[in-house]
Amino acid sequence: QVQLVESGGGLVQTGGSLRLSCAASGRTFSDYAMGWFRQAPGKEREFVAAISRLGGSRYYADSVKGRFTISRDNAKNTAYLQMNSLKPADTAVYYCAASDGSASQYSSGTVSEYDYWGQGTQVTVSS
């Protein structure tokens, strides 16, 4: 089992920045690729970004490319999502997730390719 706990959400104005953290415990963190997803009210959970086990490969949804950066620190068992130039459309609950799948699996952004999930952290961007 892998336990994931997100933090860093909050209320920010349009154009502002937030940094989300995802602290992992349980199994060896570097055994898992990590992803960030988000879910707005009334919408399906959608892929935001993913990072490979050692951090050498990163993948982004088109909607956040150039504004968000995913990273990880395996020594600290933590993944991050730096979010810049935030827009009201970015308002959602953000979830981190861990995948033991292949690159083609976790980079697909498919929810079912991720094995463990955090409880989520709310991000609200005001206009």
C-alpha atoms as a PDB file:
ATOM      1  CA  GLN A   1       0.000   0.000   0.000  1.00  0.00           C
ATOM      2  CA  VAL A   2       1.027   3.552  -0.690  1.00  0.00           C
ATOM      3  CA  GLN A   3      -0.455   6.417   1.275  1.00  0.00           C
ATOM      4  CA  LEU A   4      -0.567   9.826  -0.396  1.00  0.00           C
ATOM      5  CA  VAL A   5      -1.330  13.131   1.282  1.00  0.00           C
ATOM      6  CA  GLU A   6      -1.706  16.349  -0.692  1.00  0.00           C
ATOM      7  CA  SER A   7      -1.197  19.832   0.683  1.00  0.00           C
ATOM      8  CA  GLY A   8      -0.722  23.381  -0.546  1.00  0.00           C
ATOM      9  CA  GLY A   9      -4.126  24.153  -1.974  1.00  0.00           C
ATOM     10  CA  GLY A  10      -5.957  27.375  -1.281  1.00  0.00           C
ATOM     11  CA  LEU A  11      -7.524  30.508  -2.691  1.00  0.00           C
ATOM     12  CA  VAL A  12      -5.535  32.589  -5.163  1.00  0.00           C
ATOM     13  CA  GLN A  13      -6.295  35.386  -7.596  1.00  0.00           C
ATOM     14  CA  THR A  14      -6.093  35.034 -11.356  1.00  0.00           C
ATOM     15  CA  GLY A  15      -2.472  35.109 -12.441  1.00  0.00           C
ATOM     16  CA  GLY A  16      -1.223  33.894  -9.096  1.00  0.00           C
ATOM     17  CA  SER A  17       0.767  30.807  -8.191  1.00  0.00           C
ATOM     18  CA  LEU A  18       0.480  27.824  -5.886  1.00  0.00           C
ATOM     19  CA  ARG A  19       2.702  24.861  -5.169  1.00  0.00           C
ATOM     20  CA  LEU A  20       1.055  21.581  -4.312  1.00  0.00           C
ATOM     21  CA  SER A  21       2.887  18.835  -2.476  1.00  0.00           C
ATOM     22  CA  CYS A  22       2.153  15.127  -2.286  1.00  0.00           C
ATOM     23  CA  ALA A  23       3.822  13.236   0.536  1.00  0.00           C
ATOM     24  CA  ALA A  24       4.053   9.481   0.077  1.00  0.00           C
ATOM     25  CA  SER A  25       4.569   6.707   2.587  1.00  0.00           C
ATOM     26  CA  GLY A  26       4.317   2.947   2.679  1.00  0.00           C
ATOM     27  CA  ARG A  27       6.331   1.550  -0.165  1.00  0.00           C
ATOM     28  CA  THR A  28       9.435   2.684  -2.024  1.00  0.00           C
ATOM     29  CA  PHE A  29       8.492   6.002  -3.569  1.00  0.00           C
ATOM     30  CA  SER A  30      10.789   5.661  -6.560  1.00  0.00           C
ATOM     31  CA  ASP A  31       9.020   2.440  -7.581  1.00  0.00           C
ATOM     32  CA  TYR A  32       6.090   4.547  -8.758  1.00  0.00           C
ATOM     33  CA  ALA A  33       5.435   7.090 -11.423  1.00  0.00           C
ATOM     34  CA  MET A  34       3.425   9.974 -10.060  1.00  0.00           C
ATOM     35  CA  GLY A  35       0.564  11.926 -11.525  1.00  0.00           C
ATOM     36  CA  TRP A  36      -1.637  14.889 -10.723  1.00  0.00           C
ATOM     37  CA  PHE A  37      -5.307  14.998 -11.634  1.00  0.00           C
ATOM     38  CA  ARG A  38      -8.066  17.465 -10.943  1.00  0.00           C
ATOM     39  CA  GLN A  39     -11.824  17.394 -10.695  1.00  0.00           C
ATOM     40  CA  ALA A  40     -14.111  20.394 -10.928  1.00  0.00           C
ATOM     41  CA  PRO A  41     -17.704  20.268  -9.668  1.00  0.00           C
ATOM     42  CA  GLY A  42     -19.933  18.328 -12.056  1.00  0.00           C
ATOM     43  CA  LYS A  43     -17.015  17.239 -14.203  1.00  0.00           C
ATOM     44  CA  GLU A  44     -14.981  14.086 -14.576  1.00  0.00           C
ATOM     45  CA  ARG A  45     -11.550  13.749 -13.073  1.00  0.00           C
ATOM     46  CA  GLU A  46      -8.974  14.869 -15.617  1.00  0.00           C
ATOM     47  CA  PHE A  47      -5.272  14.365 -16.088  1.00  0.00           C
ATOM     48  CA  VAL A  48      -2.974  17.286 -15.343  1.00  0.00           C
ATOM     49  CA  ALA A  49       0.600  15.991 -15.325  1.00  0.00           C
ATOM     50  CA  ALA A  50       2.748  12.916 -14.771  1.00  0.00           C
ATOM     51  CA  ILE A  51       6.379  12.245 -13.996  1.00  0.00           C
ATOM     52  CA  SER A  52       8.465   9.115 -14.380  1.00  0.00           C
ATOM     53  CA  ARG A  53       9.993   7.213 -11.492  1.00  0.00           C
ATOM     54  CA  LEU A  54      13.316   9.015 -11.570  1.00  0.00           C
ATOM     55  CA  GLY A  55      11.906  12.288 -12.846  1.00  0.00           C
ATOM     56  CA  GLY A  56      13.507  12.155 -16.258  1.00  0.00           C
ATOM     57  CA  SER A  57      10.246  12.269 -18.210  1.00  0.00           C
ATOM     58  CA  ARG A  58       7.293  14.597 -17.691  1.00  0.00           C
ATOM     59  CA  TYR A  59       3.923  14.774 -19.387  1.00  0.00           C
ATOM     60  CA  TYR A  60       1.308  17.506 -19.322  1.00  0.00           C
ATOM     61  CA  ALA A  61      -2.244  18.131 -20.386  1.00  0.00           C
ATOM     62  CA  ASP A  62      -2.425  20.749 -23.108  1.00  0.00           C
ATOM     63  CA  SER A  63      -4.484  22.990 -20.839  1.00  0.00           C
ATOM     64  CA  VAL A  64      -1.612  23.411 -18.357  1.00  0.00           C
ATOM     65  CA  LYS A  65       1.438  23.106 -20.584  1.00  0.00           C
ATOM     66  CA  GLY A  66       3.775  26.035 -20.070  1.00  0.00           C
ATOM     67  CA  ARG A  67       2.078  27.063 -16.802  1.00  0.00           C
ATOM     68  CA  PHE A  68       2.403  24.015 -14.539  1.00  0.00           C
ATOM     69  CA  THR A  69       5.523  22.045 -13.650  1.00  0.00           C
ATOM     70  CA  ILE A  70       5.557  18.592 -12.080  1.00  0.00           C
ATOM     71  CA  SER A  71       8.596  17.470 -10.111  1.00  0.00           C
ATOM     72  CA  ARG A  72       9.589  14.967  -7.462  1.00  0.00           C
ATOM     73  CA  ASP A  73      12.174  14.513  -4.746  1.00  0.00           C
ATOM     74  CA  ASN A  74      12.682  10.804  -4.145  1.00  0.00           C
ATOM     75  CA  ALA A  75      14.858  11.468  -1.100  1.00  0.00           C
ATOM     76  CA  LYS A  76      11.881  13.237   0.499  1.00  0.00           C
ATOM     77  CA  ASN A  77       9.215  10.877  -0.871  1.00  0.00           C
ATOM     78  CA  THR A  78       7.375  13.888  -2.229  1.00  0.00           C
ATOM     79  CA  ALA A  79       5.947  14.989  -5.552  1.00  0.00           C
ATOM     80  CA  TYR A  80       5.133  18.586  -6.412  1.00  0.00           C
ATOM     81  CA  LEU A  81       2.985  20.561  -8.792  1.00  0.00           C
ATOM     82  CA  GLN A  82       4.055  24.164  -9.317  1.00  0.00           C
ATOM     83  CA  MET A  83       1.146  26.095 -10.782  1.00  0.00           C
ATOM     84  CA  ASN A  84       1.736  29.528 -12.287  1.00  0.00           C
ATOM     85  CA  SER A  85      -0.487  31.953 -14.208  1.00  0.00           C
ATOM     86  CA  LEU A  86      -3.542  30.416 -12.646  1.00  0.00           C
ATOM     87  CA  LYS A  87      -6.941  30.911 -14.229  1.00  0.00           C
ATOM     88  CA  PRO A  88     -10.476  30.472 -12.861  1.00  0.00           C
ATOM     89  CA  ALA A  89     -10.748  27.395 -15.107  1.00  0.00           C
ATOM     90  CA  ASP A  90      -8.041  25.781 -12.945  1.00  0.00           C
ATOM     91  CA  THR A  91     -10.404  25.732  -9.965  1.00  0.00           C
ATOM     92  CA  ALA A  92     -10.818  22.119  -8.853  1.00  0.00           C
ATOM     93  CA  VAL A  93      -9.880  19.541  -6.282  1.00  0.00           C
ATOM     94  CA  TYR A  94      -6.383  18.368  -7.129  1.00  0.00           C
ATOM     95  CA  TYR A  95      -5.356  14.766  -6.511  1.00  0.00           C
ATOM     96  CA  CYS A  96      -1.995  13.095  -6.647  1.00  0.00           C
ATOM     97  CA  ALA A  97      -1.758   9.471  -7.655  1.00  0.00           C
ATOM     98  CA  ALA A  98       0.847   6.732  -7.947  1.00  0.00           C
ATOM     99  CA  SER A  99       1.212   4.242 -10.780  1.00  0.00           C
ATOM    100  CA  ASP A 100       3.323   1.114 -11.062  1.00  0.00           C
ATOM    101  CA  GLY A 101       2.556   0.865 -14.762  1.00  0.00           C
ATOM    102  CA  SER A 102       4.696   1.394 -17.826  1.00  0.00           C
ATOM    103  CA  ALA A 103       5.403   4.780 -19.356  1.00  0.00           C
ATOM    104  CA  SER A 104       2.698   4.290 -21.966  1.00  0.00           C
ATOM    105  CA  GLN A 105       0.238   3.507 -19.191  1.00  0.00           C
ATOM    106  CA  TYR A 106       0.835   6.324 -16.741  1.00  0.00           C
ATOM    107  CA  SER A 107       1.498   8.921 -19.429  1.00  0.00           C
ATOM    108  CA  SER A 108      -1.862   8.155 -21.021  1.00  0.00           C
ATOM    109  CA  GLY A 109      -3.494  10.137 -18.256  1.00  0.00           C
ATOM    110  CA  THR A 110      -6.097   7.440 -17.729  1.00  0.00           C
ATOM    111  CA  VAL A 111      -7.453   7.341 -14.189  1.00  0.00           C
ATOM    112  CA  SER A 112      -7.526   3.544 -14.121  1.00  0.00           C
ATOM    113  CA  GLU A 113      -3.776   3.340 -14.757  1.00  0.00           C
ATOM    114  CA  TYR A 114      -3.120   4.759 -11.297  1.00  0.00           C
ATOM    115  CA  ASP A 115      -3.170   2.486  -8.298  1.00  0.00           C
ATOM    116  CA  TYR A 116      -3.138   4.788  -5.296  1.00  0.00           C
ATOM    117  CA  TRP A 117      -4.762   8.155  -4.695  1.00  0.00           C
ATOM    118  CA  GLY A 118      -4.623  10.930  -2.160  1.00  0.00           C
ATOM    119  CA  GLN A 119      -7.645  12.608  -0.628  1.00  0.00           C
ATOM    120  CA  GLY A 120      -7.313  15.781  -2.682  1.00  0.00           C
ATOM    121  CA  THR A 121      -6.685  19.458  -1.983  1.00  0.00           C
ATOM    122  CA  GLN A 122      -8.927  22.316  -3.091  1.00  0.00           C
ATOM    123  CA  VAL A 123      -7.578  24.991  -5.409  1.00  0.00           C
ATOM    124  CA  THR A 124      -9.787  28.003  -6.033  1.00  0.00           C
ATOM    125  CA  VAL A 125      -8.809  30.751  -8.456  1.00  0.00           C
ATOM    126  CA  SER A 126     -10.814  33.932  -8.175  1.00  0.00           C
ATOM    127  CA  SER A 127     -11.401  36.277 -11.109  1.00  0.00           C
END
